[in-house]
C-alpha atoms as a PDB file:
ATOM      1  CA  UNK A   1     102.908 115.710 119.209  1.00  0.00           C
ATOM      2  CA  UNK A   2      99.259 114.853 120.115  1.00  0.00           C
ATOM      3  CA  UNK A   3      98.814 111.386 121.591  1.00  0.00           C
ATOM      4  CA  UNK A   4      97.252 108.802 119.095  1.00  0.00           C
ATOM      5  CA  UNK A   5      94.105 108.410 121.177  1.00  0.00           C
ATOM      6  CA  UNK A   6      93.483 112.114 121.124  1.00  0.00           C
ATOM      7  CA  UNK A   7      93.953 112.264 117.294  1.00  0.00           C
ATOM      8  CA  UNK A   8      91.590 109.362 116.824  1.00  0.00           C
ATOM      9  CA  UNK A   9      88.888 111.290 118.683  1.00  0.00           C
ATOM     10  CA  UNK A  10      89.063 114.076 116.088  1.00  0.00           C
ATOM     11  CA  UNK A  11      86.624 113.719 113.193  1.00  0.00           C
ATOM     12  CA  UNK A  12      87.506 115.259 109.768  1.00  0.00           C
ATOM     13  CA  UNK A  13      84.713 115.644 107.162  1.00  0.00           C
ATOM     14  CA  UNK A  14      85.973 115.599 103.572  1.00  0.00           C
ATOM     15  CA  UNK A  15      83.933 116.521 100.577  1.00  0.00           C
ATOM     16  CA  UNK A  16      85.287 115.904  97.136  1.00  0.00           C
ATOM     17  CA  UNK A  17      85.635 113.217  94.417  1.00  0.00           C
ATOM     18  CA  UNK A  18      86.449 109.604  94.608  1.00  0.00           C
ATOM     19  CA  UNK A  19      87.263 107.246  91.697  1.00  0.00           C
ATOM     20  CA  UNK A  20      89.442 104.749  90.082  1.00  0.00           C
ATOM     21  CA  UNK A  21      92.688 105.953  88.516  1.00  0.00           C
ATOM     22  CA  UNK A  22      94.033 103.979  85.613  1.00  0.00           C
ATOM     23  CA  UNK A  23      97.580 104.643  84.353  1.00  0.00           C
ATOM     24  CA  UNK A  24      98.891 103.573  80.999  1.00  0.00           C
ATOM     25  CA  UNK A  25     102.671 103.777  80.706  1.00  0.00           C
ATOM     26  CA  UNK A  26     104.264 104.341  77.257  1.00  0.00           C
ATOM     27  CA  UNK A  27     101.055 103.653  75.385  1.00  0.00           C
ATOM     28  CA  UNK A  28     101.655 104.106  71.538  1.00  0.00           C
ATOM     29  CA  UNK A  29     100.601 107.707  70.652  1.00  0.00           C
ATOM     30  CA  UNK A  30      98.595 106.560  67.575  1.00  0.00           C
ATOM     31  CA  UNK A  31      96.972 103.515  69.261  1.00  0.00           C
ATOM     32  CA  UNK A  32      93.404 104.569  68.416  1.00  0.00           C
ATOM     33  CA  UNK A  33      92.469 104.075  64.745  1.00  0.00           C
ATOM     34  CA  UNK A  34      90.116 106.144  62.684  1.00  0.00           C
ATOM     35  CA  UNK A  35      88.046 103.306  61.298  1.00  0.00           C
ATOM     36  CA  UNK A  36      85.864 101.170  63.677  1.00  0.00           C
ATOM     37  CA  UNK A  37      86.117  97.394  63.279  1.00  0.00           C
ATOM     38  CA  UNK A  38      84.561  94.541  65.205  1.00  0.00           C
ATOM     39  CA  UNK A  39      87.653  92.385  64.931  1.00  0.00           C
ATOM     40  CA  UNK A  40      91.319  92.588  65.990  1.00  0.00           C
ATOM     41  CA  UNK A  41      93.828  93.614  63.367  1.00  0.00           C
ATOM     42  CA  UNK A  42      97.510  94.440  63.321  1.00  0.00           C
ATOM     43  CA  UNK A  43      96.481  97.997  63.323  1.00  0.00           C
ATOM     44  CA  UNK A  44      94.142  97.780  66.346  1.00  0.00           C
ATOM     45  CA  UNK A  45      96.047  95.273  68.627  1.00  0.00           C
ATOM     46  CA  UNK A  46      99.281  96.993  69.740  1.00  0.00           C
ATOM     47  CA  UNK A  47     101.651  95.942  72.597  1.00  0.00           C
ATOM     48  CA  UNK A  48     101.703  97.801  75.995  1.00  0.00           C
ATOM     49  CA  UNK A  49     105.132  97.532  77.560  1.00  0.00           C
ATOM     50  CA  UNK A  50     103.854  97.665  81.300  1.00  0.00           C
ATOM     51  CA  UNK A  51     100.677  96.299  82.784  1.00  0.00           C
ATOM     52  CA  UNK A  52      97.863  98.677  83.391  1.00  0.00           C
ATOM     53  CA  UNK A  53      98.011 100.207  86.883  1.00  0.00           C
ATOM     54  CA  UNK A  54      94.877 100.829  88.908  1.00  0.00           C
ATOM     55  CA  UNK A  55      94.687 103.003  92.033  1.00  0.00           C
ATOM     56  CA  UNK A  56      92.563 105.177  94.274  1.00  0.00           C
ATOM     57  CA  UNK A  57      91.731 108.450  92.528  1.00  0.00           C
ATOM     58  CA  UNK A  58      89.832 111.645  93.313  1.00  0.00           C
ATOM     59  CA  UNK A  59      90.938 114.599  95.459  1.00  0.00           C
ATOM     60  CA  UNK A  60      88.618 113.804  98.296  1.00  0.00           C
ATOM     61  CA  UNK A  61      89.406 109.986  98.455  1.00  0.00           C
ATOM     62  CA  UNK A  62      93.170 110.642  98.246  1.00  0.00           C
ATOM     63  CA  UNK A  63      93.152 113.205 101.045  1.00  0.00           C
ATOM     64  CA  UNK A  64      90.886 111.006 103.181  1.00  0.00           C
ATOM     65  CA  UNK A  65      93.029 107.967 102.749  1.00  0.00           C
ATOM     66  CA  UNK A  66      96.113 109.887 104.065  1.00  0.00           C
ATOM     67  CA  UNK A  67      94.173 111.385 106.877  1.00  0.00           C
ATOM     68  CA  UNK A  68      92.915 108.059 108.034  1.00  0.00           C
ATOM     69  CA  UNK A  69      96.379 106.323 107.767  1.00  0.00           C
ATOM     70  CA  UNK A  70      97.650 109.189 109.962  1.00  0.00           C
ATOM     71  CA  UNK A  71      95.356 108.251 112.742  1.00  0.00           C
ATOM     72  CA  UNK A  72      92.254 110.450 112.320  1.00  0.00           C
ATOM     73  CA  UNK A  73      88.530 109.612 111.995  1.00  0.00           C
ATOM     74  CA  UNK A  74      87.418 110.555 108.497  1.00  0.00           C
ATOM     75  CA  UNK A  75      84.023 110.797 106.886  1.00  0.00           C
ATOM     76  CA  UNK A  76      84.214 111.089 103.116  1.00  0.00           C
ATOM     77  CA  UNK A  77      81.268 112.655 101.059  1.00  0.00           C
ATOM     78  CA  UNK A  78      81.983 111.541  97.571  1.00  0.00           C
ATOM     79  CA  UNK A  79      79.648 109.700  95.061  1.00  0.00           C
ATOM     80  CA  UNK A  80      80.744 106.058  94.550  1.00  0.00           C
ATOM     81  CA  UNK A  81      78.771 103.760  92.390  1.00  0.00           C
ATOM     82  CA  UNK A  82      77.549 100.102  92.648  1.00  0.00           C
ATOM     83  CA  UNK A  83      79.883  99.114  89.818  1.00  0.00           C
ATOM     84  CA  UNK A  84      83.186  97.144  89.681  1.00  0.00           C
ATOM     85  CA  UNK A  85      85.111 100.357  89.985  1.00  0.00           C
ATOM     86  CA  UNK A  86      83.093 101.423  92.982  1.00  0.00           C
ATOM     87  CA  UNK A  87      83.736  98.120  94.734  1.00  0.00           C
ATOM     88  CA  UNK A  88      87.472  98.536  94.474  1.00  0.00           C
ATOM     89  CA  UNK A  89      87.318 102.196  95.613  1.00  0.00           C
ATOM     90  CA  UNK A  90      85.120 101.410  98.632  1.00  0.00           C
ATOM     91  CA  UNK A  91      87.292  98.506  99.645  1.00  0.00           C
ATOM     92  CA  UNK A  92      90.498 100.589  99.538  1.00  0.00           C
ATOM     93  CA  UNK A  93      88.878 103.342 101.574  1.00  0.00           C
ATOM     94  CA  UNK A  94      87.422 100.844 104.123  1.00  0.00           C
ATOM     95  CA  UNK A  95      90.761  99.184 104.744  1.00  0.00           C
ATOM     96  CA  UNK A  96      92.333 102.598 105.320  1.00  0.00           C
ATOM     97  CA  UNK A  97      89.590 103.330 107.888  1.00  0.00           C
ATOM     98  CA  UNK A  98      87.644 105.899 105.952  1.00  0.00           C
ATOM     99  CA  UNK A  99      83.798 106.031 106.462  1.00  0.00           C
ATOM    100  CA  UNK A 100      82.010 106.782 103.179  1.00  0.00           C
ATOM    101  CA  UNK A 101      78.701 108.474 103.951  1.00  0.00           C
ATOM    102  CA  UNK A 102      77.215 108.963 100.460  1.00  0.00           C
ATOM    103  CA  UNK A 103      74.542 106.626  99.191  1.00  0.00           C
ATOM    104  CA  UNK A 104      75.686 104.463  96.369  1.00  0.00           C
ATOM    105  CA  UNK A 105      75.220 105.920  92.927  1.00  0.00           C
ATOM    106  CA  UNK A 106      74.858 104.510  89.431  1.00  0.00           C
ATOM    107  CA  UNK A 107      78.441 104.970  88.423  1.00  0.00           C
ATOM    108  CA  UNK A 108      81.893 105.761  89.800  1.00  0.00           C
ATOM    109  CA  UNK A 109      84.374 108.398  88.561  1.00  0.00           C
ATOM    110  CA  UNK A 110      87.101 106.957  86.195  1.00  0.00           C
ATOM    111  CA  UNK A 111      90.306 108.604  85.056  1.00  0.00           C
ATOM    112  CA  UNK A 112      92.553 107.040  82.455  1.00  0.00           C
ATOM    113  CA  UNK A 113      95.951 108.756  82.225  1.00  0.00           C
ATOM    114  CA  UNK A 114      98.627 108.119  79.656  1.00  0.00           C
ATOM    115  CA  UNK A 115     102.213 108.842  80.780  1.00  0.00           C
ATOM    116  CA  UNK A 116     105.545 108.731  79.045  1.00  0.00           C
ATOM    117  CA  UNK A 117     108.571 106.635  80.083  1.00  0.00           C
ATOM    118  CA  UNK A 118     109.426 109.234  82.720  1.00  0.00           C
ATOM    119  CA  UNK A 119     106.030 109.250  84.314  1.00  0.00           C
ATOM    120  CA  UNK A 120     105.039 112.611  82.886  1.00  0.00           C
ATOM    121  CA  UNK A 121     101.299 112.980  81.962  1.00  0.00           C
ATOM    122  CA  UNK A 122     100.351 113.031  78.241  1.00  0.00           C
ATOM    123  CA  UNK A 123      96.694 113.274  78.789  1.00  0.00           C
ATOM    124  CA  UNK A 124      93.641 112.084  80.812  1.00  0.00           C
ATOM    125  CA  UNK A 125      90.285 110.813  79.835  1.00  0.00           C
ATOM    126  CA  UNK A 126      87.809 111.254  82.723  1.00  0.00           C
ATOM    127  CA  UNK A 127      84.277 110.084  83.283  1.00  0.00           C
ATOM    128  CA  UNK A 128      83.059 112.383  86.128  1.00  0.00           C
ATOM    129  CA  UNK A 129      80.213 110.303  87.523  1.00  0.00           C
ATOM    130  CA  UNK A 130      77.334 111.705  89.599  1.00  0.00           C
ATOM    131  CA  UNK A 131      77.458 115.126  91.109  1.00  0.00           C
ATOM    132  CA  UNK A 132      78.506 115.637  94.738  1.00  0.00           C
ATOM    133  CA  UNK A 133      75.759 116.351  97.223  1.00  0.00           C
ATOM    134  CA  UNK A 134      77.633 119.008  99.176  1.00  0.00           C
ATOM    135  CA  UNK A 135      74.973 119.418 101.752  1.00  0.00           C
ATOM    136  CA  UNK A 136      75.308 115.939 102.843  1.00  0.00           C
ATOM    137  CA  UNK A 137      78.589 116.829 104.587  1.00  0.00           C
ATOM    138  CA  UNK A 138      76.559 119.000 106.985  1.00  0.00           C
ATOM    139  CA  UNK A 139      73.857 116.431 107.916  1.00  0.00           C
ATOM    140  CA  UNK A 140      74.256 115.092 111.437  1.00  0.00           C
ATOM    141  CA  UNK A 141      77.927 115.912 111.193  1.00  0.00           C
ATOM    142  CA  UNK A 142      79.948 116.335 114.434  1.00  0.00           C
ATOM    143  CA  UNK A 143      83.286 116.754 112.679  1.00  0.00           C
ATOM    144  CA  UNK A 144      85.735 119.404 114.041  1.00  0.00           C
ATOM    145  CA  UNK A 145      87.452 119.925 110.720  1.00  0.00           C
ATOM    146  CA  UNK A 146      86.159 120.203 107.085  1.00  0.00           C
ATOM    147  CA  UNK A 147      88.092 119.808 103.904  1.00  0.00           C
ATOM    148  CA  UNK A 148      86.371 120.832 100.726  1.00  0.00           C
ATOM    149  CA  UNK A 149      88.287 119.727  97.547  1.00  0.00           C
ATOM    150  CA  UNK A 150      86.698 120.997  94.322  1.00  0.00           C
ATOM    151  CA  UNK A 151      86.781 118.486  91.375  1.00  0.00           C
ATOM    152  CA  UNK A 152      88.360 119.454  88.100  1.00  0.00           C
ATOM    153  CA  UNK A 153      85.065 119.314  86.209  1.00  0.00           C
ATOM    154  CA  UNK A 154      82.811 120.876  88.732  1.00  0.00           C
ATOM    155  CA  UNK A 155      79.820 122.782  87.491  1.00  0.00           C
ATOM    156  CA  UNK A 156      78.955 126.429  88.124  1.00  0.00           C
ATOM    157  CA  UNK A 157      75.672 125.288  89.763  1.00  0.00           C
ATOM    158  CA  UNK A 158      77.673 123.774  92.642  1.00  0.00           C
ATOM    159  CA  UNK A 159      78.998 127.281  93.740  1.00  0.00           C
ATOM    160  CA  UNK A 160      76.118 128.128  95.968  1.00  0.00           C
ATOM    161  CA  UNK A 161      75.935 124.679  97.721  1.00  0.00           C
ATOM    162  CA  UNK A 162      79.676 124.790  98.389  1.00  0.00           C
ATOM    163  CA  UNK A 163      79.375 128.276  99.762  1.00  0.00           C
ATOM    164  CA  UNK A 164      76.547 127.270 102.017  1.00  0.00           C
ATOM    165  CA  UNK A 165      78.441 124.284 103.367  1.00  0.00           C
ATOM    166  CA  UNK A 166      81.434 126.482 104.242  1.00  0.00           C
ATOM    167  CA  UNK A 167      79.155 129.111 105.877  1.00  0.00           C
ATOM    168  CA  UNK A 168      77.419 126.377 107.922  1.00  0.00           C
ATOM    169  CA  UNK A 169      80.742 125.143 109.303  1.00  0.00           C
ATOM    170  CA  UNK A 170      81.784 128.729 109.879  1.00  0.00           C
ATOM    171  CA  UNK A 171      78.777 129.431 112.068  1.00  0.00           C
ATOM    172  CA  UNK A 172      79.690 126.426 114.359  1.00  0.00           C
ATOM    173  CA  UNK A 173      83.324 127.617 114.648  1.00  0.00           C
ATOM    174  CA  UNK A 174      84.784 124.484 112.929  1.00  0.00           C
ATOM    175  CA  UNK A 175      88.018 124.552 111.040  1.00  0.00           C
ATOM    176  CA  UNK A 176      87.421 124.916 107.301  1.00  0.00           C
ATOM    177  CA  UNK A 177      90.045 124.029 104.573  1.00  0.00           C
ATOM    178  CA  UNK A 178      89.492 124.764 101.008  1.00  0.00           C
ATOM    179  CA  UNK A 179      91.274 123.559  97.842  1.00  0.00           C
ATOM    180  CA  UNK A 180      89.531 125.397  94.894  1.00  0.00           C
ATOM    181  CA  UNK A 181      91.217 123.415  92.078  1.00  0.00           C
ATOM    182  CA  UNK A 182      90.847 124.380  88.331  1.00  0.00           C
ATOM    183  CA  UNK A 183      87.159 123.570  87.870  1.00  0.00           C
ATOM    184  CA  UNK A 184      85.823 127.130  88.083  1.00  0.00           C
ATOM    185  CA  UNK A 185      88.586 128.977  86.238  1.00  0.00           C
ATOM    186  CA  UNK A 186      87.000 131.121  83.530  1.00  0.00           C
ATOM    187  CA  UNK A 187      83.603 130.070  84.757  1.00  0.00           C
ATOM    188  CA  UNK A 188      83.049 132.358  87.702  1.00  0.00           C
ATOM    189  CA  UNK A 189      84.317 135.843  88.506  1.00  0.00           C
ATOM    190  CA  UNK A 190      87.425 136.303  90.684  1.00  0.00           C
ATOM    191  CA  UNK A 191      85.369 138.313  93.140  1.00  0.00           C
ATOM    192  CA  UNK A 192      83.058 135.313  93.629  1.00  0.00           C
ATOM    193  CA  UNK A 193      86.118 133.228  94.526  1.00  0.00           C
ATOM    194  CA  UNK A 194      87.449 135.811  96.808  1.00  0.00           C
ATOM    195  CA  UNK A 195      83.934 135.716  98.520  1.00  0.00           C
ATOM    196  CA  UNK A 196      84.227 131.873  98.891  1.00  0.00           C
ATOM    197  CA  UNK A 197      87.737 132.320 100.538  1.00  0.00           C
ATOM    198  CA  UNK A 198      86.141 134.459 103.154  1.00  0.00           C
ATOM    199  CA  UNK A 199      84.322 131.468 104.537  1.00  0.00           C
ATOM    200  CA  UNK A 200      87.387 129.376 104.772  1.00  0.00           C
ATOM    201  CA  UNK A 201      90.251 129.464 107.265  1.00  0.00           C
ATOM    202  CA  UNK A 202      92.989 127.538 105.386  1.00  0.00           C
ATOM    203  CA  UNK A 203      93.505 127.758 101.601  1.00  0.00           C
ATOM    204  CA  UNK A 204      95.629 125.152  99.699  1.00  0.00           C
ATOM    205  CA  UNK A 205      96.236 125.350  96.019  1.00  0.00           C
ATOM    206  CA  UNK A 206      98.627 125.484  93.203  1.00  0.00           C
ATOM    207  CA  UNK A 207     100.334 128.670  92.146  1.00  0.00           C
ATOM    208  CA  UNK A 208      98.761 128.498  88.654  1.00  0.00           C
ATOM    209  CA  UNK A 209      95.230 128.418  90.093  1.00  0.00           C
ATOM    210  CA  UNK A 210      95.759 131.054  92.753  1.00  0.00           C
ATOM    211  CA  UNK A 211      97.558 133.410  90.418  1.00  0.00           C
ATOM    212  CA  UNK A 212      94.553 133.322  88.170  1.00  0.00           C
ATOM    213  CA  UNK A 213      92.044 134.190  90.984  1.00  0.00           C
ATOM    214  CA  UNK A 214      94.149 136.826  92.682  1.00  0.00           C
ATOM    215  CA  UNK A 215      95.590 138.463  89.467  1.00  0.00           C
ATOM    216  CA  UNK A 216      98.963 138.531  91.406  1.00  0.00           C
ATOM    217  CA  UNK A 217     102.304 137.169  90.055  1.00  0.00           C
ATOM    218  CA  UNK A 218     104.583 136.590  92.871  1.00  0.00           C
ATOM    219  CA  UNK A 219     103.984 133.887  95.531  1.00  0.00           C
ATOM    220  CA  UNK A 220     104.051 136.426  98.395  1.00  0.00           C
ATOM    221  CA  UNK A 221     101.570 138.755  96.765  1.00  0.00           C
ATOM    222  CA  UNK A 222      99.301 135.850  95.896  1.00  0.00           C
ATOM    223  CA  UNK A 223      99.255 134.722  99.462  1.00  0.00           C
ATOM    224  CA  UNK A 224      98.677 138.197 100.897  1.00  0.00           C
ATOM    225  CA  UNK A 225      95.807 138.792  98.502  1.00  0.00           C
ATOM    226  CA  UNK A 226      94.109 135.636  99.710  1.00  0.00           C
ATOM    227  CA  UNK A 227      94.718 136.449 103.471  1.00  0.00           C
ATOM    228  CA  UNK A 228      93.202 139.753 102.862  1.00  0.00           C
ATOM    229  CA  UNK A 229      89.893 138.013 102.134  1.00  0.00           C
ATOM    230  CA  UNK A 230      89.893 136.318 105.480  1.00  0.00           C
ATOM    231  CA  UNK A 231      91.759 132.940 105.670  1.00  0.00           C
ATOM    232  CA  UNK A 232      94.427 132.781 108.377  1.00  0.00           C
ATOM    233  CA  UNK A 233      96.743 130.275 106.599  1.00  0.00           C
ATOM    234  CA  UNK A 234      97.663 129.680 102.975  1.00  0.00           C
ATOM    235  CA  UNK A 235      99.778 126.880 101.362  1.00  0.00           C
ATOM    236  CA  UNK A 236     100.798 127.552  97.883  1.00  0.00           C
ATOM    237  CA  UNK A 237     101.993 124.424  95.965  1.00  0.00           C
ATOM    238  CA  UNK A 238     104.583 125.412  93.345  1.00  0.00           C
ATOM    239  CA  UNK A 239     105.683 122.114  91.952  1.00  0.00           C
ATOM    240  CA  UNK A 240     109.422 122.071  91.226  1.00  0.00           C
ATOM    241  CA  UNK A 241     109.825 125.219  93.267  1.00  0.00           C
ATOM    242  CA  UNK A 242     108.370 123.725  96.406  1.00  0.00           C
ATOM    243  CA  UNK A 243     105.700 125.355  98.639  1.00  0.00           C
ATOM    244  CA  UNK A 244     105.194 128.926  99.745  1.00  0.00           C
ATOM    245  CA  UNK A 245     103.089 129.496 102.923  1.00  0.00           C
ATOM    246  CA  UNK A 246     102.074 132.163 105.515  1.00  0.00           C
ATOM    247  CA  UNK A 247      99.807 132.337 108.535  1.00  0.00           C
ATOM    248  CA  UNK A 248      98.852 134.939 111.068  1.00  0.00           C
ATOM    249  CA  UNK A 249     101.465 133.411 113.350  1.00  0.00           C
ATOM    250  CA  UNK A 250     104.149 132.716 110.884  1.00  0.00           C
ATOM    251  CA  UNK A 251     105.492 135.264 108.227  1.00  0.00           C
ATOM    252  CA  UNK A 252     105.734 134.403 104.474  1.00  0.00           C
ATOM    253  CA  UNK A 253     108.307 131.730 103.870  1.00  0.00           C
ATOM    254  CA  UNK A 254     109.147 129.115 101.201  1.00  0.00           C
ATOM    255  CA  UNK A 255     110.397 125.542 101.293  1.00  0.00           C
ATOM    256  CA  UNK A 256     112.283 123.891  98.416  1.00  0.00           C
ATOM    257  CA  UNK A 257     110.918 120.552  97.219  1.00  0.00           C
ATOM    258  CA  UNK A 258     112.370 117.388  98.569  1.00  0.00           C
ATOM    259  CA  UNK A 259     114.836 115.706  96.161  1.00  0.00           C
ATOM    260  CA  UNK A 260     113.548 112.863  94.125  1.00  0.00           C
ATOM    261  CA  UNK A 261     115.807 109.984  93.083  1.00  0.00           C
ATOM    262  CA  UNK A 262     113.835 109.748  89.883  1.00  0.00           C
ATOM    263  CA  UNK A 263     110.611 111.345  88.588  1.00  0.00           C
ATOM    264  CA  UNK A 264     107.441 109.346  88.428  1.00  0.00           C
ATOM    265  CA  UNK A 265     103.713 109.995  87.841  1.00  0.00           C
ATOM    266  CA  UNK A 266     102.466 112.523  90.381  1.00  0.00           C
ATOM    267  CA  UNK A 267      98.823 111.453  90.486  1.00  0.00           C
ATOM    268  CA  UNK A 268      97.349 112.028  94.004  1.00  0.00           C
ATOM    269  CA  UNK A 269     100.432 113.982  95.321  1.00  0.00           C
ATOM    270  CA  UNK A 270      98.704 117.314  95.723  1.00  0.00           C
ATOM    271  CA  UNK A 271      95.628 115.744  97.465  1.00  0.00           C
ATOM    272  CA  UNK A 272      97.966 113.737  99.723  1.00  0.00           C
ATOM    273  CA  UNK A 273      99.702 117.005 100.597  1.00  0.00           C
ATOM    274  CA  UNK A 274      96.326 118.399 101.668  1.00  0.00           C
ATOM    275  CA  UNK A 275      95.557 115.410 103.847  1.00  0.00           C
ATOM    276  CA  UNK A 276      98.942 115.318 105.463  1.00  0.00           C
ATOM    277  CA  UNK A 277      98.946 119.093 106.052  1.00  0.00           C
ATOM    278  CA  UNK A 278      95.598 118.926 107.972  1.00  0.00           C
ATOM    279  CA  UNK A 279      96.840 115.889 109.985  1.00  0.00           C
ATOM    280  CA  UNK A 280      99.969 117.756 111.044  1.00  0.00           C
ATOM    281  CA  UNK A 281      98.071 120.980 112.012  1.00  0.00           C
ATOM    282  CA  UNK A 282      95.703 118.838 114.054  1.00  0.00           C
ATOM    283  CA  UNK A 283      98.708 117.358 115.831  1.00  0.00           C
ATOM    284  CA  UNK A 284      99.523 120.929 116.929  1.00  0.00           C
ATOM    285  CA  UNK A 285     102.672 121.341 114.641  1.00  0.00           C
ATOM    286  CA  UNK A 286     103.409 124.710 113.227  1.00  0.00           C
ATOM    287  CA  UNK A 287     102.672 125.661 109.689  1.00  0.00           C
ATOM    288  CA  UNK A 288     106.350 125.253 108.547  1.00  0.00           C
ATOM    289  CA  UNK A 289     106.625 121.852 110.228  1.00  0.00           C
ATOM    290  CA  UNK A 290     103.243 120.806 108.762  1.00  0.00           C
ATOM    291  CA  UNK A 291     104.216 121.896 105.214  1.00  0.00           C
ATOM    292  CA  UNK A 292     107.636 120.030 105.530  1.00  0.00           C
ATOM    293  CA  UNK A 293     105.889 116.751 106.485  1.00  0.00           C
ATOM    294  CA  UNK A 294     103.203 117.249 103.931  1.00  0.00           C
ATOM    295  CA  UNK A 295     105.879 117.709 101.199  1.00  0.00           C
ATOM    296  CA  UNK A 296     107.658 114.643 102.516  1.00  0.00           C
ATOM    297  CA  UNK A 297     104.586 112.493 102.120  1.00  0.00           C
ATOM    298  CA  UNK A 298     103.658 113.963  98.712  1.00  0.00           C
ATOM    299  CA  UNK A 299     107.248 113.190  97.547  1.00  0.00           C
ATOM    300  CA  UNK A 300     106.909 109.564  98.659  1.00  0.00           C
ATOM    301  CA  UNK A 301     103.788 109.197  96.431  1.00  0.00           C
ATOM    302  CA  UNK A 302     105.727 110.460  93.407  1.00  0.00           C
ATOM    303  CA  UNK A 303     108.626 108.182  94.219  1.00  0.00           C
ATOM    304  CA  UNK A 304     106.573 104.995  94.194  1.00  0.00           C
ATOM    305  CA  UNK A 305     104.278 106.134  91.322  1.00  0.00           C
ATOM    306  CA  UNK A 306     101.261 104.282  92.683  1.00  0.00           C
ATOM    307  CA  UNK A 307      99.384 107.120  94.281  1.00  0.00           C
ATOM    308  CA  UNK A 308      98.169 106.826  97.909  1.00  0.00           C
ATOM    309  CA  UNK A 309      97.876 103.033  97.628  1.00  0.00           C
ATOM    310  CA  UNK A 310     101.574 102.798  97.638  1.00  0.00           C
ATOM    311  CA  UNK A 311     101.960 104.755 100.885  1.00  0.00           C
ATOM    312  CA  UNK A 312     101.127 103.664 104.442  1.00  0.00           C
ATOM    313  CA  UNK A 313     101.927 103.827 108.145  1.00  0.00           C
ATOM    314  CA  UNK A 314     105.540 102.953 107.665  1.00  0.00           C
ATOM    315  CA  UNK A 315     106.081 106.119 105.766  1.00  0.00           C
ATOM    316  CA  UNK A 316     104.562 108.407 108.487  1.00  0.00           C
END
């Protein structure tokens, strides 16, 4: 394992979203009325069994939080506003050791998720907030690693700036990690995504997303199609079926998920997986070891149900 001082000297640049996650547990399904009123009534004032939970949200922020907690320097490029939500988000990131490099914006991304008694998501309302300035991640940046996490509501117009950011890091031989997310599904052509993969070295994504882009059906064929485009490592997150992975040094393999004593809301688990995977690879661990530890950390998030804020150094 790499000594802590050496890890601390490695800078990881993360570009993605950051925001406030709000979770409502067991909210009545018909709690919103159809007629607006300016007073409380029996119809509009309904009990909520559990207190509202607030946590750190956004794929960039969650991955950055885990990377910093695992001993790495982290610069986060994510728009965060000068509003109450932004104050919370910045404070959580600062305490974890994450440096936010984006100038303050007008608003902060919010996501309100309703979950059932088992922690399963029923739906999410999301205010996206300002767009990400992808080029900012390349300005005066001396990072050795780059993680690009595409938000769920990313616009088509962001495709070229994201591609240019990856190309720029490629020219300087820095390690590039890409999580494509669901934002561009049905918005850009599969060939365009394949072109984007050619500028990254490590791809992390869910099987649903990557099946869509590759047109393949089995985990092995999905991974091999991606690696044909140029990346040397792929981690395929398969939910209840675990993770499939392959690299140029390690053949295709799968790992079953870690057992959960009980299910809980999984907000932030996939993004924590990305951060932990990168941290373990930087430590010099093999892909299989890195995937195993990343799964362990993602599972801990699901167990506590509080996202990355419920996780810390004692869990490493």
